[in-house]
Amino acid sequence: MATAVYLNSASSNPFQATKGKYAAQSVRAVPIRVLSVGKKRSRELQLMVDEYAEKIKYYCSFEDVQIRPNPRNARDQRAQVDDEDAAMMNHIRSDDWYVDIGANVIDGIANGFHELIDDIGNRNLIQVVMLDERGQDIRSEEMAELIGNAGNMGASRLSFCIGGPYGHGRKMRERANKSIKLSSLVLNHQIALLVLMEQLYRSWTILKGQNYHH
């Protein structure tokens, strides 16, 4: 049975800095998953991503999922985006949804209820944040608030989605709970991934009141 985990500023973390300007908060450690479409990463990029992943894991469960671009070798741009959307949606749909009601957790929803909860549970329990150049400008403090709210409101997972060279398709745009942009500049998807990883770590240091964000 799944249980909700709450973190406080006393957790042991070798990356933890000194006390920062923000007060530490009691925040449920919502699992975070990053889904990114892209070709095989360079060794240097993967090392940097892994470094931030290890830091983030001191605050919450974390997964870095790579999705192959143009998985069916479509010749049409729209078909390519649709195929990448479908591959990403496969990682968003899950059989491990749960609803946290105080100390009681409803876990492992039976297969017979999947159709019933497809439009309700999937949207409410797995929060999806789409990274898009047309998305909302967001500050680091707002990113931290987004993560904190997702955890404390009972989300079973928070998924951040980075599309391929042509962005996201209709399915992802309809599914996303929020659309944000990391910069007004157009970023290469690998650069966007690294910026996102750093911001996720930064967000947790803000939530825990640690001296990283100034």
N, C-alpha and C. Protein backbone atom coordinates (compact mmCIF):
# COMPACT_ATOMS: atom_id res chain seq x y z
N MET A 1 0.85 -1.20 0.00
CA MET A 1 0.00 0.00 0.00
C MET A 1 0.88 1.24 0.00
N ALA A 2 0.55 2.19 -0.83
CA ALA A 2 1.34 3.41 -0.91
C ALA A 2 1.09 4.28 0.30
N THR A 3 2.06 5.03 0.70
CA THR A 3 1.91 5.95 1.81
C THR A 3 2.45 7.31 1.42
N ALA A 4 1.83 8.33 1.99
CA ALA A 4 2.29 9.68 1.71
C ALA A 4 3.52 9.97 2.55
N VAL A 5 4.50 10.60 1.96
CA VAL A 5 5.75 10.92 2.65
C VAL A 5 5.89 12.43 2.72
N TYR A 6 6.18 12.93 3.90
CA TYR A 6 6.39 14.36 4.08
C TYR A 6 7.84 14.60 4.47
N LEU A 7 8.42 15.65 3.91
CA LEU A 7 9.80 15.99 4.22
C LEU A 7 9.85 17.27 5.03
N ASN A 8 10.83 17.36 5.92
CA ASN A 8 11.06 18.61 6.63
C ASN A 8 12.51 18.99 6.49
N SER A 9 12.85 20.13 7.00
CA SER A 9 14.19 20.68 6.78
C SER A 9 15.27 19.89 7.49
N ALA A 10 14.89 18.92 8.32
CA ALA A 10 15.89 18.16 9.06
C ALA A 10 16.38 16.94 8.30
N SER A 11 15.84 16.67 7.10
CA SER A 11 16.25 15.48 6.36
C SER A 11 17.73 15.55 6.02
N SER A 12 18.41 14.37 6.09
CA SER A 12 19.84 14.34 5.81
C SER A 12 20.07 14.43 4.31
N ASN A 13 20.88 15.37 3.90
CA ASN A 13 21.10 15.61 2.48
C ASN A 13 22.51 16.16 2.32
N PRO A 14 23.41 15.40 1.69
CA PRO A 14 24.78 15.89 1.54
C PRO A 14 24.88 17.11 0.66
N PHE A 15 23.84 17.39 -0.14
CA PHE A 15 23.85 18.57 -1.01
C PHE A 15 23.24 19.78 -0.31
N GLN A 16 22.70 19.58 0.90
CA GLN A 16 21.99 20.64 1.58
C GLN A 16 22.93 21.79 1.94
N ALA A 17 22.49 22.99 1.61
CA ALA A 17 23.27 24.19 1.94
C ALA A 17 22.80 24.74 3.28
N THR A 18 23.30 25.90 3.64
CA THR A 18 22.88 26.53 4.88
C THR A 18 21.49 27.13 4.72
N LYS A 19 20.94 27.61 5.81
CA LYS A 19 19.60 28.16 5.81
C LYS A 19 19.49 29.32 4.82
N GLY A 20 18.42 29.33 4.03
CA GLY A 20 18.21 30.37 3.02
C GLY A 20 17.24 31.43 3.48
N LYS A 21 16.82 32.27 2.53
CA LYS A 21 15.94 33.40 2.86
C LYS A 21 14.48 33.00 2.94
N TYR A 22 14.14 31.77 2.49
CA TYR A 22 12.76 31.30 2.54
C TYR A 22 12.59 30.32 3.69
N ALA A 23 11.46 30.42 4.39
CA ALA A 23 11.19 29.51 5.50
C ALA A 23 10.90 28.11 4.96
N ALA A 24 11.42 27.10 5.67
CA ALA A 24 11.18 25.71 5.26
C ALA A 24 9.71 25.38 5.42
N GLN A 25 9.19 24.57 4.49
CA GLN A 25 7.79 24.17 4.51
C GLN A 25 7.67 22.66 4.68
N SER A 26 6.56 22.23 5.28
CA SER A 26 6.25 20.81 5.33
C SER A 26 5.53 20.46 4.04
N VAL A 27 6.21 19.73 3.18
CA VAL A 27 5.71 19.46 1.83
C VAL A 27 5.70 17.96 1.59
N ARG A 28 4.58 17.45 1.09
CA ARG A 28 4.54 16.04 0.72
C ARG A 28 5.46 15.81 -0.48
N ALA A 29 6.26 14.76 -0.41
CA ALA A 29 7.27 14.51 -1.44
C ALA A 29 6.64 13.84 -2.66
N VAL A 30 5.97 14.64 -3.48
CA VAL A 30 5.31 14.10 -4.67
C VAL A 30 6.36 13.54 -5.64
N PRO A 31 6.18 12.31 -6.14
CA PRO A 31 7.12 11.77 -7.13
C PRO A 31 7.12 12.62 -8.40
N ILE A 32 8.29 12.83 -8.95
CA ILE A 32 8.44 13.64 -10.17
C ILE A 32 9.01 12.78 -11.28
N ARG A 33 8.44 12.93 -12.46
CA ARG A 33 8.94 12.22 -13.64
C ARG A 33 9.16 13.24 -14.75
N VAL A 34 10.32 13.22 -15.37
CA VAL A 34 10.61 14.07 -16.52
C VAL A 34 10.57 13.20 -17.77
N LEU A 35 9.72 13.57 -18.72
CA LEU A 35 9.61 12.87 -20.00
C LEU A 35 10.15 13.79 -21.08
N SER A 36 11.15 13.33 -21.82
CA SER A 36 11.74 14.18 -22.85
C SER A 36 11.95 13.40 -24.13
N VAL A 37 11.54 14.02 -25.25
CA VAL A 37 11.74 13.44 -26.57
C VAL A 37 13.09 13.91 -27.09
N GLY A 38 13.92 12.99 -27.54
CA GLY A 38 15.21 13.41 -28.07
C GLY A 38 16.10 12.25 -28.42
N LYS A 39 17.09 12.53 -29.24
CA LYS A 39 18.07 11.52 -29.62
C LYS A 39 18.97 11.19 -28.43
N LYS A 40 19.80 10.18 -28.61
CA LYS A 40 20.69 9.76 -27.54
C LYS A 40 21.53 10.94 -27.05
N ARG A 41 21.58 11.10 -25.75
CA ARG A 41 22.28 12.24 -25.17
C ARG A 41 23.79 12.03 -25.21
N SER A 42 24.48 13.15 -25.28
CA SER A 42 25.94 13.09 -25.18
C SER A 42 26.32 12.67 -23.77
N ARG A 43 27.50 12.12 -23.62
CA ARG A 43 27.98 11.69 -22.31
C ARG A 43 28.02 12.86 -21.34
N GLU A 44 28.45 14.02 -21.84
CA GLU A 44 28.58 15.20 -20.98
C GLU A 44 27.21 15.64 -20.46
N LEU A 45 26.22 15.68 -21.36
CA LEU A 45 24.87 16.08 -20.93
C LEU A 45 24.31 15.08 -19.93
N GLN A 46 24.46 13.80 -20.21
CA GLN A 46 23.91 12.79 -19.31
C GLN A 46 24.53 12.87 -17.92
N LEU A 47 25.81 13.17 -17.85
CA LEU A 47 26.46 13.32 -16.55
C LEU A 47 25.85 14.47 -15.76
N MET A 48 25.57 15.59 -16.44
CA MET A 48 24.97 16.73 -15.75
C MET A 48 23.54 16.44 -15.33
N VAL A 49 22.78 15.77 -16.20
CA VAL A 49 21.41 15.39 -15.85
C VAL A 49 21.42 14.45 -14.65
N ASP A 50 22.31 13.47 -14.67
CA ASP A 50 22.40 12.51 -13.57
C ASP A 50 22.78 13.20 -12.26
N GLU A 51 23.65 14.19 -12.35
CA GLU A 51 24.05 14.92 -11.14
C GLU A 51 22.85 15.59 -10.48
N TYR A 52 22.03 16.27 -11.29
CA TYR A 52 20.84 16.91 -10.72
C TYR A 52 19.81 15.88 -10.28
N ALA A 53 19.72 14.78 -11.01
CA ALA A 53 18.77 13.73 -10.63
C ALA A 53 19.09 13.20 -9.23
N GLU A 54 20.37 12.99 -8.94
CA GLU A 54 20.76 12.50 -7.62
C GLU A 54 20.43 13.52 -6.54
N LYS A 55 20.59 14.79 -6.86
CA LYS A 55 20.24 15.83 -5.88
C LYS A 55 18.74 15.84 -5.62
N ILE A 56 17.95 15.75 -6.68
CA ILE A 56 16.49 15.79 -6.55
C ILE A 56 15.99 14.60 -5.74
N LYS A 57 16.65 13.45 -5.88
CA LYS A 57 16.20 12.23 -5.21
C LYS A 57 16.32 12.31 -3.69
N TYR A 58 17.04 13.29 -3.18
CA TYR A 58 17.07 13.47 -1.74
C TYR A 58 15.79 14.11 -1.23
N TYR A 59 14.98 14.64 -2.14
CA TYR A 59 13.73 15.29 -1.76
C TYR A 59 12.50 14.47 -2.15
N CYS A 60 12.58 13.72 -3.24
CA CYS A 60 11.41 12.99 -3.72
C CYS A 60 11.86 11.87 -4.65
N SER A 61 10.94 10.96 -4.92
CA SER A 61 11.19 9.94 -5.94
C SER A 61 11.28 10.63 -7.30
N PHE A 62 12.25 10.23 -8.13
CA PHE A 62 12.46 10.92 -9.40
C PHE A 62 12.79 9.94 -10.51
N GLU A 63 12.21 10.18 -11.69
CA GLU A 63 12.51 9.37 -12.87
C GLU A 63 12.81 10.28 -14.06
N ASP A 64 13.82 9.91 -14.81
CA ASP A 64 14.19 10.59 -16.05
C ASP A 64 13.91 9.62 -17.20
N VAL A 65 12.90 9.92 -18.00
CA VAL A 65 12.46 9.01 -19.07
C VAL A 65 12.76 9.63 -20.43
N GLN A 66 13.54 8.92 -21.24
CA GLN A 66 13.86 9.38 -22.59
C GLN A 66 12.95 8.70 -23.60
N ILE A 67 12.41 9.49 -24.52
CA ILE A 67 11.51 8.98 -25.55
C ILE A 67 12.15 9.20 -26.92
N ARG A 68 12.22 8.15 -27.69
CA ARG A 68 12.86 8.23 -29.01
C ARG A 68 12.05 9.12 -29.95
N PRO A 69 12.69 10.07 -30.64
CA PRO A 69 11.95 10.91 -31.58
C PRO A 69 11.48 10.12 -32.79
N ASN A 70 10.33 10.53 -33.33
CA ASN A 70 9.78 9.91 -34.53
C ASN A 70 9.83 8.38 -34.44
N PRO A 71 9.15 7.80 -33.44
CA PRO A 71 9.29 6.36 -33.16
C PRO A 71 8.87 5.44 -34.30
N ARG A 72 8.00 5.91 -35.20
CA ARG A 72 7.57 5.06 -36.32
C ARG A 72 8.10 5.55 -37.66
N ASN A 73 9.12 6.45 -37.59
CA ASN A 73 9.77 6.97 -38.81
C ASN A 73 8.77 7.58 -39.79
N ALA A 74 7.85 8.37 -39.26
CA ALA A 74 6.85 9.03 -40.11
C ALA A 74 7.52 10.07 -40.99
N ARG A 75 7.03 10.21 -42.20
CA ARG A 75 7.57 11.22 -43.11
C ARG A 75 6.87 12.56 -42.95
N ASP A 76 5.66 12.53 -42.46
CA ASP A 76 4.87 13.74 -42.28
C ASP A 76 5.13 14.32 -40.89
N GLN A 77 5.32 15.64 -40.81
CA GLN A 77 5.64 16.30 -39.55
C GLN A 77 4.53 16.10 -38.52
N ARG A 78 3.29 16.25 -38.94
CA ARG A 78 2.18 16.09 -38.00
C ARG A 78 2.11 14.66 -37.48
N ALA A 79 2.33 13.70 -38.37
CA ALA A 79 2.32 12.30 -37.94
C ALA A 79 3.43 12.02 -36.94
N GLN A 80 4.59 12.64 -37.15
CA GLN A 80 5.70 12.46 -36.22
C GLN A 80 5.32 12.98 -34.83
N VAL A 81 4.74 14.18 -34.79
CA VAL A 81 4.33 14.76 -33.51
C VAL A 81 3.28 13.89 -32.84
N ASP A 82 2.32 13.39 -33.61
CA ASP A 82 1.28 12.52 -33.05
C ASP A 82 1.88 11.24 -32.46
N ASP A 83 2.87 10.68 -33.15
CA ASP A 83 3.51 9.46 -32.65
C ASP A 83 4.29 9.74 -31.37
N GLU A 84 4.97 10.87 -31.31
CA GLU A 84 5.70 11.24 -30.10
C GLU A 84 4.73 11.51 -28.95
N ASP A 85 3.59 12.14 -29.28
CA ASP A 85 2.54 12.36 -28.27
C ASP A 85 2.07 11.03 -27.69
N ALA A 86 1.81 10.08 -28.58
CA ALA A 86 1.30 8.78 -28.13
C ALA A 86 2.31 8.08 -27.23
N ALA A 87 3.59 8.15 -27.60
CA ALA A 87 4.63 7.53 -26.78
C ALA A 87 4.71 8.19 -25.41
N MET A 88 4.56 9.51 -25.38
CA MET A 88 4.61 10.23 -24.10
C MET A 88 3.39 9.90 -23.26
N MET A 89 2.21 9.82 -23.89
CA MET A 89 1.00 9.51 -23.15
C MET A 89 1.06 8.12 -22.52
N ASN A 90 1.76 7.19 -23.16
CA ASN A 90 1.91 5.85 -22.59
C ASN A 90 2.63 5.89 -21.25
N HIS A 91 3.50 6.87 -21.07
CA HIS A 91 4.22 7.00 -19.80
C HIS A 91 3.43 7.80 -18.77
N ILE A 92 2.41 8.53 -19.23
CA ILE A 92 1.59 9.30 -18.31
C ILE A 92 0.48 8.44 -17.75
N ARG A 93 -0.15 7.63 -18.60
CA ARG A 93 -1.16 6.70 -18.13
C ARG A 93 -0.49 5.67 -17.23
N SER A 94 -1.17 5.33 -16.15
CA SER A 94 -0.54 4.44 -15.18
C SER A 94 -1.58 3.61 -14.45
N ASP A 95 -1.16 2.46 -13.95
CA ASP A 95 -2.04 1.61 -13.16
C ASP A 95 -1.86 1.82 -11.66
N ASP A 96 -1.01 2.75 -11.26
CA ASP A 96 -0.72 2.88 -9.82
C ASP A 96 -1.30 4.17 -9.25
N TRP A 97 -2.42 4.65 -9.82
CA TRP A 97 -3.06 5.84 -9.26
C TRP A 97 -3.53 5.56 -7.85
N TYR A 98 -3.50 6.57 -7.00
CA TYR A 98 -4.08 6.42 -5.68
C TYR A 98 -4.59 7.77 -5.22
N VAL A 99 -5.56 7.72 -4.31
CA VAL A 99 -6.12 8.93 -3.72
C VAL A 99 -5.76 8.94 -2.26
N ASP A 100 -5.13 9.99 -1.80
CA ASP A 100 -4.73 10.10 -0.40
C ASP A 100 -5.83 10.82 0.36
N ILE A 101 -6.51 10.13 1.28
CA ILE A 101 -7.58 10.74 2.08
C ILE A 101 -7.15 10.63 3.53
N GLY A 102 -6.51 11.68 4.03
CA GLY A 102 -5.97 11.63 5.37
C GLY A 102 -4.94 10.52 5.47
N ALA A 103 -5.13 9.61 6.42
CA ALA A 103 -4.19 8.51 6.60
C ALA A 103 -4.54 7.31 5.73
N ASN A 104 -5.71 7.34 5.10
CA ASN A 104 -6.14 6.21 4.28
C ASN A 104 -5.77 6.43 2.83
N VAL A 105 -5.20 5.42 2.19
CA VAL A 105 -4.79 5.53 0.80
C VAL A 105 -5.48 4.44 0.00
N ILE A 106 -6.19 4.85 -1.05
CA ILE A 106 -6.79 3.88 -1.96
C ILE A 106 -5.76 3.59 -3.03
N ASP A 107 -5.30 2.37 -3.08
CA ASP A 107 -4.17 2.03 -3.94
C ASP A 107 -4.55 0.92 -4.91
N GLY A 108 -3.83 0.85 -6.05
CA GLY A 108 -4.00 -0.24 -6.99
C GLY A 108 -5.41 -0.38 -7.51
N ILE A 109 -5.91 0.62 -8.19
CA ILE A 109 -7.28 0.62 -8.69
C ILE A 109 -7.49 -0.57 -9.62
N ALA A 110 -8.58 -1.29 -9.44
CA ALA A 110 -8.84 -2.50 -10.21
C ALA A 110 -9.05 -2.17 -11.67
N ASN A 111 -8.69 -3.11 -12.52
CA ASN A 111 -8.79 -2.90 -13.96
C ASN A 111 -10.21 -2.55 -14.38
N GLY A 112 -11.20 -3.10 -13.70
CA GLY A 112 -12.58 -2.85 -14.08
C GLY A 112 -13.00 -1.40 -13.95
N PHE A 113 -12.26 -0.61 -13.17
CA PHE A 113 -12.62 0.79 -12.98
C PHE A 113 -11.84 1.73 -13.88
N HIS A 114 -10.96 1.22 -14.72
CA HIS A 114 -10.11 2.08 -15.52
C HIS A 114 -10.91 3.00 -16.43
N GLU A 115 -11.94 2.47 -17.07
CA GLU A 115 -12.73 3.31 -17.97
C GLU A 115 -13.43 4.42 -17.20
N LEU A 116 -13.90 4.08 -15.99
CA LEU A 116 -14.60 5.06 -15.18
C LEU A 116 -13.71 6.22 -14.78
N ILE A 117 -12.44 5.93 -14.44
CA ILE A 117 -11.57 6.98 -13.94
C ILE A 117 -10.69 7.61 -15.01
N ASP A 118 -10.81 7.16 -16.25
CA ASP A 118 -9.91 7.64 -17.30
C ASP A 118 -9.93 9.15 -17.43
N ASP A 119 -11.13 9.75 -17.36
CA ASP A 119 -11.25 11.20 -17.53
C ASP A 119 -11.18 11.95 -16.21
N ILE A 120 -11.24 11.21 -15.08
CA ILE A 120 -11.25 11.88 -13.78
C ILE A 120 -9.94 11.66 -13.05
N GLY A 121 -9.66 10.41 -12.70
CA GLY A 121 -8.46 10.10 -11.92
C GLY A 121 -7.19 10.43 -12.65
N ASN A 122 -7.14 10.11 -13.94
CA ASN A 122 -5.90 10.34 -14.70
C ASN A 122 -5.54 11.81 -14.74
N ARG A 123 -6.56 12.67 -14.83
CA ARG A 123 -6.29 14.10 -14.90
C ARG A 123 -5.96 14.67 -13.52
N ASN A 124 -6.64 14.20 -12.50
CA ASN A 124 -6.50 14.81 -11.19
C ASN A 124 -5.32 14.26 -10.39
N LEU A 125 -5.00 12.99 -10.56
CA LEU A 125 -3.99 12.38 -9.72
C LEU A 125 -2.60 12.48 -10.30
N ILE A 126 -2.48 12.37 -11.62
CA ILE A 126 -1.19 12.56 -12.27
C ILE A 126 -1.20 13.94 -12.91
N GLN A 127 -0.53 14.87 -12.28
CA GLN A 127 -0.48 16.24 -12.78
C GLN A 127 0.58 16.34 -13.88
N VAL A 128 0.20 16.93 -15.01
CA VAL A 128 1.09 17.02 -16.17
C VAL A 128 1.42 18.48 -16.47
N VAL A 129 2.71 18.78 -16.50
CA VAL A 129 3.19 20.12 -16.84
C VAL A 129 3.91 20.03 -18.17
N MET A 130 3.40 20.73 -19.16
CA MET A 130 3.96 20.71 -20.51
C MET A 130 4.89 21.91 -20.69
N LEU A 131 6.11 21.67 -21.15
CA LEU A 131 7.03 22.75 -21.46
C LEU A 131 6.83 23.16 -22.91
N ASP A 132 6.54 24.45 -23.11
CA ASP A 132 6.15 24.91 -24.43
C ASP A 132 6.55 26.38 -24.57
N GLU A 133 7.03 26.76 -25.75
CA GLU A 133 7.45 28.15 -25.96
C GLU A 133 6.29 29.12 -25.87
N ARG A 134 5.06 28.62 -25.98
CA ARG A 134 3.87 29.47 -25.84
C ARG A 134 3.26 29.38 -24.45
N GLY A 135 3.95 28.69 -23.56
CA GLY A 135 3.42 28.51 -22.21
C GLY A 135 3.58 29.75 -21.35
N GLN A 136 3.15 29.63 -20.12
CA GLN A 136 3.19 30.74 -19.16
C GLN A 136 4.61 30.97 -18.66
N ASP A 137 5.01 32.24 -18.61
CA ASP A 137 6.28 32.58 -17.95
C ASP A 137 6.17 32.20 -16.48
N ILE A 138 7.21 31.64 -15.94
CA ILE A 138 7.15 31.19 -14.55
C ILE A 138 8.48 31.49 -13.86
N ARG A 139 8.39 32.01 -12.64
CA ARG A 139 9.58 32.28 -11.84
C ARG A 139 9.92 31.05 -11.00
N SER A 140 11.13 31.01 -10.49
CA SER A 140 11.56 29.86 -9.70
C SER A 140 10.67 29.67 -8.48
N GLU A 141 10.26 30.77 -7.84
CA GLU A 141 9.38 30.65 -6.68
C GLU A 141 8.03 30.05 -7.07
N GLU A 142 7.56 30.38 -8.27
CA GLU A 142 6.29 29.82 -8.74
C GLU A 142 6.43 28.34 -9.09
N MET A 143 7.58 27.95 -9.60
CA MET A 143 7.83 26.53 -9.85
C MET A 143 7.81 25.75 -8.54
N ALA A 144 8.44 26.32 -7.51
CA ALA A 144 8.43 25.67 -6.20
C ALA A 144 7.01 25.55 -5.66
N GLU A 145 6.23 26.59 -5.84
CA GLU A 145 4.84 26.57 -5.39
C GLU A 145 4.04 25.50 -6.13
N LEU A 146 4.29 25.37 -7.42
CA LEU A 146 3.62 24.36 -8.24
C LEU A 146 3.89 22.95 -7.69
N ILE A 147 5.16 22.68 -7.38
CA ILE A 147 5.54 21.37 -6.86
C ILE A 147 4.93 21.14 -5.48
N GLY A 148 5.01 22.14 -4.63
CA GLY A 148 4.45 22.01 -3.29
C GLY A 148 2.95 21.78 -3.32
N ASN A 149 2.24 22.52 -4.16
CA ASN A 149 0.79 22.37 -4.25
C ASN A 149 0.40 20.99 -4.78
N ALA A 150 1.15 20.51 -5.78
CA ALA A 150 0.84 19.19 -6.34
C ALA A 150 0.95 18.11 -5.27
N GLY A 151 2.00 18.21 -4.45
CA GLY A 151 2.17 17.22 -3.39
C GLY A 151 1.11 17.31 -2.33
N ASN A 152 0.84 18.50 -1.85
CA ASN A 152 -0.07 18.67 -0.74
C ASN A 152 -1.53 18.49 -1.13
N MET A 153 -1.83 18.59 -2.43
CA MET A 153 -3.20 18.37 -2.89
C MET A 153 -3.44 16.91 -3.29
N GLY A 154 -2.45 16.05 -3.10
CA GLY A 154 -2.66 14.62 -3.27
C GLY A 154 -2.32 14.04 -4.62
N ALA A 155 -1.59 14.77 -5.47
CA ALA A 155 -1.19 14.21 -6.76
C ALA A 155 -0.32 12.98 -6.54
N SER A 156 -0.55 11.94 -7.32
CA SER A 156 0.27 10.74 -7.19
C SER A 156 1.59 10.87 -7.92
N ARG A 157 1.63 11.78 -8.88
CA ARG A 157 2.87 12.03 -9.62
C ARG A 157 2.77 13.38 -10.31
N LEU A 158 3.92 14.02 -10.50
CA LEU A 158 4.02 15.26 -11.26
C LEU A 158 4.93 14.99 -12.43
N SER A 159 4.38 15.06 -13.65
CA SER A 159 5.15 14.76 -14.86
C SER A 159 5.44 16.03 -15.64
N PHE A 160 6.71 16.29 -15.91
CA PHE A 160 7.13 17.42 -16.74
C PHE A 160 7.49 16.87 -18.12
N CYS A 161 6.92 17.46 -19.17
CA CYS A 161 7.03 16.90 -20.52
C CYS A 161 7.72 17.87 -21.48
N ILE A 162 8.81 17.41 -22.09
CA ILE A 162 9.55 18.18 -23.09
C ILE A 162 9.37 17.50 -24.43
N GLY A 163 8.81 18.22 -25.39
CA GLY A 163 8.53 17.65 -26.70
C GLY A 163 9.76 17.59 -27.60
N GLY A 164 9.55 17.08 -28.80
CA GLY A 164 10.62 16.97 -29.78
C GLY A 164 10.82 18.26 -30.56
N PRO A 165 11.47 18.20 -31.71
CA PRO A 165 11.80 19.41 -32.48
C PRO A 165 10.58 20.19 -32.95
N TYR A 166 9.43 19.52 -33.08
CA TYR A 166 8.22 20.20 -33.54
C TYR A 166 7.22 20.43 -32.40
N GLY A 167 7.68 20.22 -31.19
CA GLY A 167 6.83 20.51 -30.04
C GLY A 167 5.82 19.42 -29.73
N HIS A 168 4.75 19.82 -29.04
CA HIS A 168 3.72 18.89 -28.61
C HIS A 168 2.53 18.92 -29.56
N GLY A 169 1.79 17.82 -29.59
CA GLY A 169 0.61 17.71 -30.41
C GLY A 169 -0.67 17.94 -29.63
N ARG A 170 -1.79 17.67 -30.28
CA ARG A 170 -3.10 17.95 -29.70
C ARG A 170 -3.35 17.15 -28.41
N LYS A 171 -3.00 15.87 -28.41
CA LYS A 171 -3.28 15.04 -27.24
C LYS A 171 -2.60 15.57 -25.98
N MET A 172 -1.34 15.95 -26.13
CA MET A 172 -0.62 16.47 -24.97
C MET A 172 -1.18 17.81 -24.54
N ARG A 173 -1.55 18.65 -25.49
CA ARG A 173 -2.08 19.97 -25.14
C ARG A 173 -3.42 19.84 -24.41
N GLU A 174 -4.20 18.84 -24.80
CA GLU A 174 -5.47 18.61 -24.12
C GLU A 174 -5.26 17.99 -22.74
N ARG A 175 -4.24 17.16 -22.62
CA ARG A 175 -4.01 16.44 -21.36
C ARG A 175 -3.31 17.29 -20.31
N ALA A 176 -2.48 18.23 -20.72
CA ALA A 176 -1.66 18.99 -19.77
C ALA A 176 -2.52 19.78 -18.80
N ASN A 177 -2.14 19.73 -17.52
CA ASN A 177 -2.79 20.56 -16.52
C ASN A 177 -2.25 21.97 -16.53
N LYS A 178 -1.00 22.12 -16.99
CA LYS A 178 -0.38 23.44 -17.03
C LYS A 178 0.67 23.47 -18.13
N SER A 179 0.81 24.62 -18.78
CA SER A 179 1.82 24.80 -19.82
C SER A 179 2.73 25.96 -19.40
N ILE A 180 4.04 25.69 -19.34
CA ILE A 180 4.99 26.72 -18.92
C ILE A 180 6.12 26.82 -19.93
N LYS A 181 6.83 27.95 -19.90
CA LYS A 181 8.05 28.08 -20.69
C LYS A 181 9.19 28.47 -19.77
N LEU A 182 10.36 27.94 -20.05
CA LEU A 182 11.53 28.20 -19.23
C LEU A 182 12.24 29.48 -19.62
N SER A 183 11.98 29.95 -20.85
CA SER A 183 12.65 31.14 -21.35
C SER A 183 11.85 31.70 -22.51
N SER A 184 11.98 33.00 -22.75
CA SER A 184 11.39 33.60 -23.94
C SER A 184 12.19 33.24 -25.19
N LEU A 185 13.40 32.76 -24.99
CA LEU A 185 14.21 32.26 -26.10
C LEU A 185 13.78 30.84 -26.44
N VAL A 186 13.93 30.46 -27.69
CA VAL A 186 13.68 29.08 -28.07
C VAL A 186 14.90 28.25 -27.67
N LEU A 187 14.67 27.20 -26.87
CA LEU A 187 15.77 26.39 -26.37
C LEU A 187 15.82 25.04 -27.07
N ASN A 188 17.02 24.60 -27.43
CA ASN A 188 17.23 23.22 -27.86
C ASN A 188 16.70 22.30 -26.76
N HIS A 189 16.09 21.15 -27.15
CA HIS A 189 15.45 20.30 -26.15
C HIS A 189 16.44 19.79 -25.10
N GLN A 190 17.72 19.62 -25.47
CA GLN A 190 18.70 19.16 -24.49
C GLN A 190 19.03 20.26 -23.49
N ILE A 191 19.11 21.50 -23.98
CA ILE A 191 19.33 22.63 -23.07
C ILE A 191 18.12 22.81 -22.17
N ALA A 192 16.92 22.68 -22.75
CA ALA A 192 15.69 22.80 -21.95
C ALA A 192 15.67 21.75 -20.84
N LEU A 193 16.10 20.54 -21.15
CA LEU A 193 16.14 19.48 -20.14
C LEU A 193 17.06 19.85 -18.99
N LEU A 194 18.25 20.34 -19.30
CA LEU A 194 19.21 20.69 -18.26
C LEU A 194 18.70 21.85 -17.41
N VAL A 195 18.10 22.86 -18.06
CA VAL A 195 17.53 23.99 -17.32
C VAL A 195 16.42 23.49 -16.39
N LEU A 196 15.56 22.62 -16.91
CA LEU A 196 14.47 22.08 -16.09
C LEU A 196 15.02 21.33 -14.88
N MET A 197 16.02 20.50 -15.08
CA MET A 197 16.59 19.73 -13.97
C MET A 197 17.12 20.65 -12.87
N GLU A 198 17.82 21.69 -13.28
CA GLU A 198 18.36 22.64 -12.29
C GLU A 198 17.22 23.33 -11.55
N GLN A 199 16.16 23.68 -12.27
CA GLN A 199 15.04 24.39 -11.65
C GLN A 199 14.26 23.48 -10.70
N LEU A 200 14.18 22.20 -11.01
CA LEU A 200 13.52 21.28 -10.08
C LEU A 200 14.31 21.19 -8.77
N TYR A 201 15.63 21.09 -8.88
CA TYR A 201 16.45 21.09 -7.67
C TYR A 201 16.32 22.41 -6.92
N ARG A 202 16.37 23.50 -7.66
CA ARG A 202 16.24 24.83 -7.04
C ARG A 202 14.90 24.95 -6.31
N SER A 203 13.85 24.43 -6.93
CA SER A 203 12.52 24.51 -6.32
C SER A 203 12.48 23.82 -4.97
N TRP A 204 13.11 22.64 -4.90
CA TRP A 204 13.11 21.93 -3.63
C TRP A 204 13.92 22.67 -2.57
N THR A 205 15.01 23.31 -2.96
CA THR A 205 15.78 24.07 -1.96
C THR A 205 14.97 25.26 -1.46
N ILE A 206 14.13 25.84 -2.33
CA ILE A 206 13.24 26.92 -1.89
C ILE A 206 12.22 26.38 -0.90
N LEU A 207 11.61 25.25 -1.24
CA LEU A 207 10.60 24.66 -0.36
C LEU A 207 11.17 24.27 0.99
N LYS A 208 12.42 23.85 1.02
CA LYS A 208 13.04 23.41 2.27
C LYS A 208 13.81 24.52 2.97
N GLY A 209 13.76 25.75 2.42
CA GLY A 209 14.40 26.88 3.08
C GLY A 209 15.91 26.83 3.09
N GLN A 210 16.51 26.23 2.08
CA GLN A 210 17.97 26.08 2.02
C GLN A 210 18.60 27.20 1.20
N ASN A 211 19.87 27.46 1.50
CA ASN A 211 20.55 28.62 0.94
C ASN A 211 21.18 28.29 -0.42
N TYR A 212 20.34 28.13 -1.42
CA TYR A 212 20.80 27.91 -2.80
C TYR A 212 20.25 29.00 -3.71
N HIS A 213 18.96 29.32 -3.52
CA HIS A 213 18.30 30.34 -4.34
C HIS A 213 18.42 31.69 -3.64
N HIS A 214 18.88 32.70 -4.37
CA HIS A 214 19.06 34.04 -3.78
C HIS A 214 18.18 35.06 -4.48
